[in-house]
Amino acid sequence: MGPARQAAGINSGQGEKGGGSVTTHPGVFLTELRLTRLNGRWRRLTSDLIYTTYQTPEPETLVIPGGPPLHGFIYDGASVPRIPLAWLLCGDTGEYGAAVHDFVVREGWPWGLSARVFREALYAAPYPEPKWRVEIMYAAVVARGILPYKAMPGVLDPR
């Protein structure tokens, strides 16, 4: 846990009060997304993905580990339901944002903060998604947060 998150009490949920973004400053990707697609929807990072978010009280740089085979972070991409209209509008998009979102969820960040970081990362990607798509994807993640959720080992990283 970074000092900014520790000081803000984000792990305890205190960072969630107020509900809105901490800042409107865009996030910044410091490296390119390099991945290998595994069977089905799973992806494995082959090199570190480094991203700075401004959704925390102080900017926080995340290092999402990549590496040689069997050692990179594994995530499930943007989990768009295979409903025809949803898939047509948002399917197979948002790779950068999905990697960041799945990482912060696995690390135990509060769902609302994770959703805002996802949205920020979609806009910050080298080839950003159009605003209408970002907002649909963000709304879907927020709506998913209404249901009970607890990150569990093996869910987002099946090692």
N, C-alpha and C. Protein backbone atom coordinates (compact mmCIF):
# COMPACT_ATOMS: atom_id res chain seq x y z
N MET A 1 0.86 -1.17 0.00
CA MET A 1 0.00 0.00 0.00
C MET A 1 0.90 1.23 0.00
N GLY A 2 0.61 2.19 -0.91
CA GLY A 2 1.42 3.40 -0.98
C GLY A 2 1.13 4.34 0.17
N PRO A 3 2.08 5.26 0.45
CA PRO A 3 1.89 6.18 1.57
C PRO A 3 0.65 7.04 1.42
N ALA A 4 0.31 7.41 0.17
CA ALA A 4 -0.87 8.25 -0.04
C ALA A 4 -2.13 7.51 0.38
N ARG A 5 -2.24 6.23 0.01
CA ARG A 5 -3.41 5.44 0.36
C ARG A 5 -3.45 5.19 1.86
N GLN A 6 -2.29 4.92 2.45
CA GLN A 6 -2.24 4.66 3.89
C GLN A 6 -2.67 5.90 4.67
N ALA A 7 -2.15 7.07 4.27
CA ALA A 7 -2.48 8.31 4.97
C ALA A 7 -3.96 8.65 4.82
N ALA A 8 -4.52 8.33 3.65
CA ALA A 8 -5.92 8.66 3.40
C ALA A 8 -6.87 7.62 3.97
N GLY A 9 -6.34 6.50 4.42
CA GLY A 9 -7.20 5.45 4.95
C GLY A 9 -8.03 4.79 3.88
N ILE A 10 -7.53 4.73 2.65
CA ILE A 10 -8.33 4.20 1.55
C ILE A 10 -8.67 2.74 1.77
N ASN A 11 -7.77 1.94 2.30
CA ASN A 11 -8.09 0.53 2.53
C ASN A 11 -9.25 0.36 3.48
N SER A 12 -9.43 1.29 4.41
CA SER A 12 -10.53 1.16 5.36
C SER A 12 -11.83 1.73 4.81
N GLY A 13 -11.80 2.26 3.59
CA GLY A 13 -13.00 2.81 2.99
C GLY A 13 -13.17 4.29 3.24
N GLN A 14 -12.31 4.91 4.06
CA GLN A 14 -12.46 6.33 4.35
C GLN A 14 -12.32 7.17 3.09
N GLY A 15 -11.54 6.69 2.12
CA GLY A 15 -11.35 7.44 0.88
C GLY A 15 -12.60 7.49 0.03
N GLU A 16 -13.59 6.72 0.37
CA GLU A 16 -14.81 6.66 -0.40
C GLU A 16 -15.81 7.76 -0.03
N LYS A 17 -15.66 8.39 1.11
CA LYS A 17 -16.63 9.39 1.55
C LYS A 17 -16.70 10.52 0.55
N GLY A 18 -17.88 10.98 0.28
CA GLY A 18 -18.07 12.05 -0.68
C GLY A 18 -18.36 11.52 -2.07
N GLY A 19 -17.88 10.33 -2.39
CA GLY A 19 -18.24 9.65 -3.61
C GLY A 19 -17.64 10.14 -4.89
N GLY A 20 -17.27 11.41 -5.04
CA GLY A 20 -16.80 11.91 -6.32
C GLY A 20 -15.32 11.74 -6.51
N SER A 21 -14.86 12.15 -7.69
CA SER A 21 -13.43 12.08 -7.98
C SER A 21 -12.67 13.02 -7.07
N VAL A 22 -11.45 12.63 -6.75
CA VAL A 22 -10.59 13.49 -5.96
C VAL A 22 -10.11 14.65 -6.82
N THR A 23 -9.88 14.39 -8.09
CA THR A 23 -9.39 15.41 -9.01
C THR A 23 -9.84 15.10 -10.42
N THR A 24 -9.76 16.08 -11.29
CA THR A 24 -10.08 15.85 -12.69
C THR A 24 -8.83 15.71 -13.53
N HIS A 25 -7.65 15.73 -12.90
CA HIS A 25 -6.39 15.55 -13.62
C HIS A 25 -6.39 14.18 -14.27
N PRO A 26 -6.01 14.08 -15.54
CA PRO A 26 -6.00 12.77 -16.18
C PRO A 26 -4.87 11.89 -15.66
N GLY A 27 -5.11 10.60 -15.62
CA GLY A 27 -4.05 9.66 -15.26
C GLY A 27 -3.03 9.60 -16.39
N VAL A 28 -1.90 8.96 -16.11
CA VAL A 28 -0.81 8.90 -17.09
C VAL A 28 -0.24 7.48 -17.13
N PHE A 29 -0.21 6.89 -18.32
CA PHE A 29 0.49 5.62 -18.51
C PHE A 29 1.93 5.94 -18.83
N LEU A 30 2.85 5.33 -18.09
CA LEU A 30 4.28 5.57 -18.27
C LEU A 30 4.94 4.46 -19.09
N THR A 31 4.21 3.39 -19.36
CA THR A 31 4.70 2.31 -20.21
C THR A 31 3.57 1.85 -21.11
N GLU A 32 3.92 1.08 -22.12
CA GLU A 32 2.92 0.50 -23.01
C GLU A 32 2.39 -0.80 -22.44
N LEU A 33 1.18 -1.12 -22.81
CA LEU A 33 0.57 -2.38 -22.42
C LEU A 33 1.12 -3.48 -23.34
N ARG A 34 1.78 -4.44 -22.75
CA ARG A 34 2.28 -5.59 -23.51
C ARG A 34 1.71 -6.83 -22.84
N LEU A 35 1.02 -7.64 -23.63
CA LEU A 35 0.32 -8.78 -23.06
C LEU A 35 0.33 -9.96 -24.00
N THR A 36 0.01 -11.10 -23.44
CA THR A 36 -0.23 -12.32 -24.19
C THR A 36 -1.65 -12.73 -23.87
N ARG A 37 -2.41 -13.04 -24.91
CA ARG A 37 -3.77 -13.54 -24.67
C ARG A 37 -3.69 -15.02 -24.37
N LEU A 38 -4.33 -15.40 -23.28
CA LEU A 38 -4.39 -16.80 -22.88
C LEU A 38 -5.70 -17.37 -23.39
N ASN A 39 -6.05 -18.56 -23.00
CA ASN A 39 -7.31 -19.13 -23.47
C ASN A 39 -8.49 -18.31 -22.96
N GLY A 40 -9.50 -18.22 -23.76
CA GLY A 40 -10.68 -17.46 -23.37
C GLY A 40 -10.40 -15.98 -23.23
N ARG A 41 -10.91 -15.39 -22.17
CA ARG A 41 -10.81 -13.94 -22.00
C ARG A 41 -9.56 -13.51 -21.25
N TRP A 42 -8.75 -14.43 -20.75
CA TRP A 42 -7.62 -14.10 -19.89
C TRP A 42 -6.44 -13.54 -20.67
N ARG A 43 -5.74 -12.58 -20.01
CA ARG A 43 -4.53 -11.98 -20.56
C ARG A 43 -3.45 -12.01 -19.48
N ARG A 44 -2.19 -12.06 -19.92
CA ARG A 44 -1.06 -12.00 -18.99
C ARG A 44 -0.14 -10.87 -19.45
N LEU A 45 0.22 -9.98 -18.52
CA LEU A 45 1.17 -8.91 -18.86
C LEU A 45 2.55 -9.51 -19.05
N THR A 46 3.23 -9.10 -20.12
CA THR A 46 4.58 -9.60 -20.40
C THR A 46 5.64 -8.60 -19.98
N SER A 47 5.24 -7.39 -19.65
CA SER A 47 6.16 -6.40 -19.07
C SER A 47 5.35 -5.53 -18.12
N ASP A 48 6.04 -4.87 -17.19
CA ASP A 48 5.35 -4.03 -16.21
C ASP A 48 4.52 -2.96 -16.90
N LEU A 49 3.31 -2.75 -16.42
CA LEU A 49 2.48 -1.64 -16.85
C LEU A 49 2.51 -0.63 -15.71
N ILE A 50 3.00 0.57 -16.00
CA ILE A 50 3.15 1.59 -14.96
C ILE A 50 2.17 2.72 -15.25
N TYR A 51 1.37 3.05 -14.25
CA TYR A 51 0.29 4.02 -14.41
C TYR A 51 0.23 4.91 -13.18
N THR A 52 0.08 6.21 -13.40
CA THR A 52 -0.11 7.15 -12.29
C THR A 52 -1.56 7.59 -12.28
N THR A 53 -2.22 7.38 -11.14
CA THR A 53 -3.61 7.81 -10.98
C THR A 53 -3.65 9.05 -10.11
N TYR A 54 -4.62 9.89 -10.41
CA TYR A 54 -4.85 11.10 -9.63
C TYR A 54 -6.19 11.03 -8.91
N GLN A 55 -6.75 9.84 -8.80
CA GLN A 55 -8.02 9.65 -8.11
C GLN A 55 -7.84 9.48 -6.61
N THR A 56 -6.62 9.29 -6.17
CA THR A 56 -6.31 9.19 -4.74
C THR A 56 -5.95 10.58 -4.23
N PRO A 57 -5.99 10.81 -2.93
CA PRO A 57 -5.69 12.15 -2.40
C PRO A 57 -4.35 12.70 -2.87
N GLU A 58 -3.37 11.85 -3.03
CA GLU A 58 -2.08 12.23 -3.61
C GLU A 58 -1.88 11.34 -4.83
N PRO A 59 -1.24 11.84 -5.90
CA PRO A 59 -0.99 10.97 -7.05
C PRO A 59 -0.29 9.69 -6.62
N GLU A 60 -0.71 8.58 -7.19
CA GLU A 60 -0.10 7.30 -6.84
C GLU A 60 0.29 6.55 -8.11
N THR A 61 1.53 6.11 -8.16
CA THR A 61 2.02 5.36 -9.31
C THR A 61 1.89 3.87 -9.01
N LEU A 62 1.19 3.19 -9.89
CA LEU A 62 0.98 1.75 -9.77
C LEU A 62 1.94 1.03 -10.69
N VAL A 63 2.56 -0.01 -10.21
CA VAL A 63 3.40 -0.86 -11.05
C VAL A 63 2.70 -2.22 -11.09
N ILE A 64 2.09 -2.50 -12.23
CA ILE A 64 1.37 -3.76 -12.41
C ILE A 64 2.38 -4.73 -13.02
N PRO A 65 2.70 -5.80 -12.30
CA PRO A 65 3.83 -6.63 -12.71
C PRO A 65 3.60 -7.44 -13.97
N GLY A 66 4.57 -7.35 -14.84
CA GLY A 66 4.64 -8.20 -16.02
C GLY A 66 5.88 -9.05 -15.85
N GLY A 67 6.15 -9.85 -16.81
CA GLY A 67 7.37 -10.62 -16.68
C GLY A 67 7.42 -11.79 -17.62
N PRO A 68 8.39 -12.63 -17.40
CA PRO A 68 8.53 -13.81 -18.25
C PRO A 68 7.30 -14.70 -18.11
N PRO A 69 7.16 -15.65 -19.00
CA PRO A 69 5.99 -16.53 -18.92
C PRO A 69 5.77 -17.05 -17.51
N LEU A 70 4.52 -17.08 -17.13
CA LEU A 70 4.03 -17.56 -15.82
C LEU A 70 4.27 -16.59 -14.68
N HIS A 71 4.79 -15.39 -14.95
CA HIS A 71 5.05 -14.46 -13.85
C HIS A 71 4.33 -13.13 -13.99
N GLY A 72 3.70 -12.82 -15.10
CA GLY A 72 3.02 -11.54 -15.24
C GLY A 72 1.62 -11.57 -14.64
N PHE A 73 1.11 -10.38 -14.33
CA PHE A 73 -0.25 -10.23 -13.79
C PHE A 73 -1.24 -10.79 -14.80
N ILE A 74 -2.19 -11.57 -14.33
CA ILE A 74 -3.23 -12.16 -15.18
C ILE A 74 -4.54 -11.48 -14.84
N TYR A 75 -5.27 -11.08 -15.87
CA TYR A 75 -6.56 -10.41 -15.67
C TYR A 75 -7.50 -10.84 -16.79
N ASP A 76 -8.76 -10.47 -16.65
CA ASP A 76 -9.76 -10.97 -17.60
C ASP A 76 -10.22 -9.94 -18.62
N GLY A 77 -9.45 -8.90 -18.86
CA GLY A 77 -9.86 -7.91 -19.85
C GLY A 77 -11.08 -7.15 -19.39
N ALA A 78 -11.65 -6.37 -20.28
CA ALA A 78 -12.88 -5.65 -19.96
C ALA A 78 -14.03 -6.65 -20.05
N SER A 79 -14.60 -7.00 -18.92
CA SER A 79 -15.60 -8.07 -18.84
C SER A 79 -16.96 -7.59 -19.32
N VAL A 80 -17.07 -7.39 -20.61
CA VAL A 80 -18.33 -6.94 -21.19
C VAL A 80 -19.21 -8.16 -21.40
N PRO A 81 -20.47 -8.12 -20.91
CA PRO A 81 -21.36 -9.26 -21.12
C PRO A 81 -21.51 -9.56 -22.61
N ARG A 82 -21.66 -10.82 -22.94
CA ARG A 82 -21.78 -11.21 -24.35
C ARG A 82 -23.21 -11.02 -24.85
N ILE A 83 -23.83 -9.93 -24.42
CA ILE A 83 -25.15 -9.54 -24.92
C ILE A 83 -24.88 -8.79 -26.22
N PRO A 84 -25.56 -9.12 -27.32
CA PRO A 84 -25.18 -8.55 -28.61
C PRO A 84 -24.97 -7.03 -28.64
N LEU A 85 -25.90 -6.23 -28.14
CA LEU A 85 -25.73 -4.78 -28.22
C LEU A 85 -24.57 -4.31 -27.35
N ALA A 86 -24.46 -4.82 -26.13
CA ALA A 86 -23.35 -4.43 -25.25
C ALA A 86 -22.02 -4.80 -25.88
N TRP A 87 -21.93 -6.01 -26.44
CA TRP A 87 -20.67 -6.46 -27.05
C TRP A 87 -20.36 -5.62 -28.29
N LEU A 88 -21.38 -5.30 -29.08
CA LEU A 88 -21.17 -4.49 -30.28
C LEU A 88 -20.62 -3.11 -29.91
N LEU A 89 -21.13 -2.50 -28.84
CA LEU A 89 -20.71 -1.17 -28.45
C LEU A 89 -19.38 -1.14 -27.70
N CYS A 90 -19.14 -2.13 -26.85
CA CYS A 90 -17.98 -2.05 -25.94
C CYS A 90 -17.10 -3.29 -25.90
N GLY A 91 -17.43 -4.31 -26.64
CA GLY A 91 -16.66 -5.55 -26.57
C GLY A 91 -15.25 -5.41 -27.10
N ASP A 92 -14.33 -6.11 -26.49
CA ASP A 92 -12.92 -6.17 -26.89
C ASP A 92 -12.28 -4.79 -26.96
N THR A 93 -12.62 -3.92 -26.02
CA THR A 93 -12.05 -2.57 -25.94
C THR A 93 -11.58 -2.31 -24.51
N GLY A 94 -10.91 -1.21 -24.31
CA GLY A 94 -10.54 -0.78 -22.96
C GLY A 94 -9.48 -1.62 -22.28
N GLU A 95 -8.54 -2.16 -23.05
CA GLU A 95 -7.52 -3.05 -22.47
C GLU A 95 -6.70 -2.38 -21.36
N TYR A 96 -6.24 -1.15 -21.60
CA TYR A 96 -5.43 -0.47 -20.58
C TYR A 96 -6.22 -0.28 -19.29
N GLY A 97 -7.44 0.23 -19.42
CA GLY A 97 -8.27 0.46 -18.24
C GLY A 97 -8.61 -0.82 -17.51
N ALA A 98 -8.85 -1.89 -18.27
CA ALA A 98 -9.20 -3.17 -17.65
C ALA A 98 -8.04 -3.71 -16.82
N ALA A 99 -6.82 -3.60 -17.33
CA ALA A 99 -5.65 -4.09 -16.59
C ALA A 99 -5.50 -3.33 -15.27
N VAL A 100 -5.64 -2.01 -15.34
CA VAL A 100 -5.50 -1.19 -14.13
C VAL A 100 -6.63 -1.50 -13.15
N HIS A 101 -7.85 -1.56 -13.63
CA HIS A 101 -9.00 -1.82 -12.76
C HIS A 101 -8.87 -3.17 -12.07
N ASP A 102 -8.57 -4.20 -12.83
CA ASP A 102 -8.47 -5.53 -12.23
C ASP A 102 -7.35 -5.59 -11.19
N PHE A 103 -6.27 -4.86 -11.45
CA PHE A 103 -5.16 -4.84 -10.49
C PHE A 103 -5.58 -4.17 -9.18
N VAL A 104 -6.20 -2.99 -9.26
CA VAL A 104 -6.55 -2.30 -8.01
C VAL A 104 -7.65 -3.05 -7.25
N VAL A 105 -8.55 -3.71 -7.97
CA VAL A 105 -9.57 -4.53 -7.29
C VAL A 105 -8.88 -5.69 -6.57
N ARG A 106 -7.96 -6.35 -7.25
CA ARG A 106 -7.26 -7.46 -6.61
C ARG A 106 -6.46 -7.01 -5.39
N GLU A 107 -5.97 -5.76 -5.44
CA GLU A 107 -5.21 -5.22 -4.32
C GLU A 107 -6.10 -4.75 -3.17
N GLY A 108 -7.42 -4.84 -3.35
CA GLY A 108 -8.34 -4.53 -2.26
C GLY A 108 -8.81 -3.08 -2.19
N TRP A 109 -8.62 -2.31 -3.27
CA TRP A 109 -9.11 -0.94 -3.27
C TRP A 109 -10.64 -0.96 -3.22
N PRO A 110 -11.27 0.05 -2.62
CA PRO A 110 -12.73 0.13 -2.59
C PRO A 110 -13.30 0.16 -4.01
N TRP A 111 -14.48 -0.44 -4.16
CA TRP A 111 -15.07 -0.58 -5.49
C TRP A 111 -15.28 0.77 -6.18
N GLY A 112 -15.81 1.76 -5.49
CA GLY A 112 -16.05 3.07 -6.11
C GLY A 112 -14.77 3.71 -6.59
N LEU A 113 -13.73 3.66 -5.79
CA LEU A 113 -12.44 4.21 -6.20
C LEU A 113 -11.88 3.43 -7.39
N SER A 114 -12.01 2.11 -7.36
CA SER A 114 -11.54 1.28 -8.47
C SER A 114 -12.27 1.65 -9.76
N ALA A 115 -13.56 1.92 -9.66
CA ALA A 115 -14.34 2.30 -10.84
C ALA A 115 -13.86 3.64 -11.40
N ARG A 116 -13.58 4.60 -10.52
CA ARG A 116 -13.09 5.91 -10.98
C ARG A 116 -11.71 5.80 -11.62
N VAL A 117 -10.86 4.94 -11.06
CA VAL A 117 -9.54 4.73 -11.65
C VAL A 117 -9.69 4.08 -13.02
N PHE A 118 -10.63 3.16 -13.17
CA PHE A 118 -10.92 2.52 -14.46
C PHE A 118 -11.29 3.57 -15.50
N ARG A 119 -12.23 4.44 -15.13
CA ARG A 119 -12.67 5.49 -16.05
C ARG A 119 -11.50 6.40 -16.43
N GLU A 120 -10.73 6.82 -15.44
CA GLU A 120 -9.58 7.68 -15.67
C GLU A 120 -8.60 7.00 -16.64
N ALA A 121 -8.35 5.70 -16.43
CA ALA A 121 -7.40 4.97 -17.27
C ALA A 121 -7.92 4.80 -18.70
N LEU A 122 -9.24 4.65 -18.87
CA LEU A 122 -9.79 4.57 -20.22
C LEU A 122 -9.51 5.85 -21.00
N TYR A 123 -9.63 6.99 -20.33
CA TYR A 123 -9.34 8.27 -20.98
C TYR A 123 -7.84 8.47 -21.19
N ALA A 124 -7.01 7.89 -20.32
CA ALA A 124 -5.56 8.11 -20.36
C ALA A 124 -4.84 7.19 -21.34
N ALA A 125 -5.50 6.16 -21.82
CA ALA A 125 -4.84 5.20 -22.72
C ALA A 125 -4.27 5.91 -23.94
N PRO A 126 -3.19 5.36 -24.52
CA PRO A 126 -2.58 6.00 -25.69
C PRO A 126 -3.58 6.19 -26.84
N TYR A 127 -4.52 5.28 -26.96
CA TYR A 127 -5.60 5.42 -27.94
C TYR A 127 -6.89 5.42 -27.15
N PRO A 128 -7.25 6.59 -26.57
CA PRO A 128 -8.40 6.63 -25.66
C PRO A 128 -9.70 6.22 -26.35
N GLU A 129 -10.54 5.63 -25.55
CA GLU A 129 -11.87 5.26 -26.03
C GLU A 129 -12.69 6.54 -26.18
N PRO A 130 -13.68 6.54 -27.09
CA PRO A 130 -14.56 7.71 -27.19
C PRO A 130 -15.33 7.90 -25.89
N LYS A 131 -15.68 9.15 -25.62
CA LYS A 131 -16.34 9.48 -24.35
C LYS A 131 -17.60 8.65 -24.13
N TRP A 132 -18.42 8.46 -25.16
CA TRP A 132 -19.66 7.71 -24.99
C TRP A 132 -19.36 6.27 -24.54
N ARG A 133 -18.30 5.66 -25.08
CA ARG A 133 -17.96 4.29 -24.69
C ARG A 133 -17.41 4.26 -23.26
N VAL A 134 -16.55 5.23 -22.92
CA VAL A 134 -16.00 5.28 -21.56
C VAL A 134 -17.13 5.37 -20.55
N GLU A 135 -18.09 6.23 -20.81
CA GLU A 135 -19.18 6.44 -19.85
C GLU A 135 -20.07 5.20 -19.73
N ILE A 136 -20.30 4.49 -20.84
CA ILE A 136 -21.07 3.24 -20.77
C ILE A 136 -20.32 2.21 -19.93
N MET A 137 -19.02 2.07 -20.19
CA MET A 137 -18.21 1.08 -19.47
C MET A 137 -18.11 1.44 -17.99
N TYR A 138 -17.94 2.72 -17.70
CA TYR A 138 -17.86 3.17 -16.31
C TYR A 138 -19.19 2.90 -15.60
N ALA A 139 -20.31 3.22 -16.25
CA ALA A 139 -21.63 3.00 -15.64
C ALA A 139 -21.84 1.51 -15.35
N ALA A 140 -21.36 0.65 -16.24
CA ALA A 140 -21.50 -0.79 -16.03
C ALA A 140 -20.70 -1.25 -14.81
N VAL A 141 -19.49 -0.71 -14.65
CA VAL A 141 -18.66 -1.07 -13.50
C VAL A 141 -19.30 -0.55 -12.21
N VAL A 142 -19.81 0.67 -12.23
CA VAL A 142 -20.48 1.23 -11.05
C VAL A 142 -21.71 0.39 -10.71
N ALA A 143 -22.50 0.02 -11.72
CA ALA A 143 -23.70 -0.79 -11.48
C ALA A 143 -23.32 -2.14 -10.89
N ARG A 144 -22.24 -2.72 -11.36
CA ARG A 144 -21.77 -4.00 -10.81
C ARG A 144 -21.43 -3.85 -9.33
N GLY A 145 -21.00 -2.67 -8.94
CA GLY A 145 -20.63 -2.42 -7.55
C GLY A 145 -21.80 -2.45 -6.59
N ILE A 146 -23.02 -2.40 -7.11
CA ILE A 146 -24.21 -2.47 -6.26
C ILE A 146 -24.32 -3.87 -5.64
N LEU A 147 -23.87 -4.87 -6.37
CA LEU A 147 -23.92 -6.25 -5.89
C LEU A 147 -22.78 -6.49 -4.90
N PRO A 148 -22.97 -7.39 -3.97
CA PRO A 148 -21.87 -7.69 -3.03
C PRO A 148 -20.65 -8.18 -3.80
N TYR A 149 -19.49 -7.74 -3.38
CA TYR A 149 -18.25 -8.14 -4.06
C TYR A 149 -17.12 -8.23 -3.06
N LYS A 150 -16.35 -9.25 -3.18
CA LYS A 150 -15.14 -9.38 -2.36
C LYS A 150 -14.08 -10.00 -3.25
N ALA A 151 -12.97 -9.29 -3.44
CA ALA A 151 -11.88 -9.83 -4.23
C ALA A 151 -11.34 -11.07 -3.52
N MET A 152 -11.19 -12.13 -4.27
CA MET A 152 -10.71 -13.38 -3.68
C MET A 152 -9.52 -13.87 -4.49
N PRO A 153 -8.53 -14.48 -3.84
CA PRO A 153 -7.39 -15.02 -4.57
C PRO A 153 -7.88 -15.98 -5.65
N GLY A 154 -7.28 -15.87 -6.82
CA GLY A 154 -7.63 -16.77 -7.90
C GLY A 154 -8.73 -16.26 -8.80
N VAL A 155 -9.46 -15.22 -8.40
CA VAL A 155 -10.54 -14.73 -9.24
C VAL A 155 -9.98 -13.92 -10.40
N LEU A 156 -9.15 -12.93 -10.11
CA LEU A 156 -8.59 -12.11 -11.18
C LEU A 156 -7.19 -12.55 -11.57
N ASP A 157 -6.62 -13.45 -10.84
CA ASP A 157 -5.28 -13.95 -11.14
C ASP A 157 -5.27 -15.42 -10.76
N PRO A 158 -5.62 -16.28 -11.71
CA PRO A 158 -5.86 -17.68 -11.36
C PRO A 158 -4.61 -18.52 -11.09
N ARG A 159 -3.50 -17.90 -10.67
CA ARG A 159 -2.30 -18.69 -10.37
C ARG A 159 -2.44 -19.40 -9.05
